[in-house]
C-alpha atoms as a PDB file:
ATOM      1  CA  UNK A   1      11.074  99.271  -7.521  1.00  0.00           C
ATOM      2  CA  UNK A   2      13.280  99.161 -10.511  1.00  0.00           C
ATOM      3  CA  UNK A   3      12.516  96.254 -12.874  1.00  0.00           C
ATOM      4  CA  UNK A   4      16.116  95.010 -12.653  1.00  0.00           C
ATOM      5  CA  UNK A   5      15.779  94.475  -8.913  1.00  0.00           C
ATOM      6  CA  UNK A   6      12.872  91.992  -9.232  1.00  0.00           C
ATOM      7  CA  UNK A   7      15.031  89.552 -11.210  1.00  0.00           C
ATOM      8  CA  UNK A   8      17.447  89.312  -8.264  1.00  0.00           C
ATOM      9  CA  UNK A   9      14.889  87.919  -5.809  1.00  0.00           C
ATOM     10  CA  UNK A  10      14.223  84.241  -5.215  1.00  0.00           C
ATOM     11  CA  UNK A  11      10.532  83.849  -6.264  1.00  0.00           C
ATOM     12  CA  UNK A  12       9.799  81.273  -3.533  1.00  0.00           C
ATOM     13  CA  UNK A  13      11.231  83.496  -0.813  1.00  0.00           C
ATOM     14  CA  UNK A  14       9.396  86.512  -2.197  1.00  0.00           C
ATOM     15  CA  UNK A  15       6.096  84.607  -2.097  1.00  0.00           C
ATOM     16  CA  UNK A  16       6.682  83.645   1.555  1.00  0.00           C
ATOM     17  CA  UNK A  17       7.488  87.266   2.387  1.00  0.00           C
ATOM     18  CA  UNK A  18       4.371  88.596   0.653  1.00  0.00           C
ATOM     19  CA  UNK A  19       2.140  85.997   2.338  1.00  0.00           C
ATOM     20  CA  UNK A  20       3.542  86.908   5.764  1.00  0.00           C
ATOM     21  CA  UNK A  21       3.122  90.602   5.038  1.00  0.00           C
ATOM     22  CA  UNK A  22      -0.490  90.138   3.925  1.00  0.00           C
ATOM     23  CA  UNK A  23      -1.211  88.065   7.037  1.00  0.00           C
ATOM     24  CA  UNK A  24      -0.195  90.959   9.269  1.00  0.00           C
ATOM     25  CA  UNK A  25      -2.926  93.107   7.715  1.00  0.00           C
ATOM     26  CA  UNK A  26      -5.777  90.918   9.009  1.00  0.00           C
ATOM     27  CA  UNK A  27      -7.507  92.763  11.830  1.00  0.00           C
ATOM     28  CA  UNK A  28      -6.266  96.198  10.737  1.00  0.00           C
ATOM     29  CA  UNK A  29      -8.663  99.073  10.252  1.00  0.00           C
ATOM     30  CA  UNK A  30      -8.705 100.781   6.853  1.00  0.00           C
ATOM     31  CA  UNK A  31     -10.439 103.824   5.430  1.00  0.00           C
ATOM     32  CA  UNK A  32     -12.567 103.036   2.404  1.00  0.00           C
ATOM     33  CA  UNK A  33     -12.996 105.279  -0.624  1.00  0.00           C
ATOM     34  CA  UNK A  34     -16.394 106.383   0.729  1.00  0.00           C
ATOM     35  CA  UNK A  35     -14.658 107.562   3.950  1.00  0.00           C
ATOM     36  CA  UNK A  36     -16.091 104.711   6.074  1.00  0.00           C
ATOM     37  CA  UNK A  37     -13.832 102.664   8.339  1.00  0.00           C
ATOM     38  CA  UNK A  38     -13.601  98.896   7.802  1.00  0.00           C
ATOM     39  CA  UNK A  39     -11.642  96.059   9.398  1.00  0.00           C
ATOM     40  CA  UNK A  40      -9.870  93.469   7.264  1.00  0.00           C
ATOM     41  CA  UNK A  41     -11.063  90.015   8.357  1.00  0.00           C
ATOM     42  CA  UNK A  42      -9.641  87.831   5.582  1.00  0.00           C
ATOM     43  CA  UNK A  43      -7.305  88.019   2.585  1.00  0.00           C
ATOM     44  CA  UNK A  44      -7.857  85.607  -0.276  1.00  0.00           C
ATOM     45  CA  UNK A  45      -4.438  84.016  -0.977  1.00  0.00           C
ATOM     46  CA  UNK A  46      -5.330  83.698  -4.665  1.00  0.00           C
ATOM     47  CA  UNK A  47      -6.488  87.328  -5.007  1.00  0.00           C
ATOM     48  CA  UNK A  48      -4.705  89.321  -2.263  1.00  0.00           C
ATOM     49  CA  UNK A  49      -5.996  92.665  -3.533  1.00  0.00           C
ATOM     50  CA  UNK A  50      -9.618  91.619  -2.881  1.00  0.00           C
ATOM     51  CA  UNK A  51      -9.890  91.527   0.897  1.00  0.00           C
ATOM     52  CA  UNK A  52     -12.989  90.657   2.926  1.00  0.00           C
ATOM     53  CA  UNK A  53     -14.137  93.313   5.402  1.00  0.00           C
END
């Protein structure tokens, strides 16, 4: 996204949206970099890019 667009969002609403989006990923299968398949079982709300599989 363009940097100018981020300033137009309400930060509280954006946080709610991101949390809801991340919650929908729990239970989804993903392909890992070593070509194995994993299932997301938890997303750390403080570090959403480090999921537990």
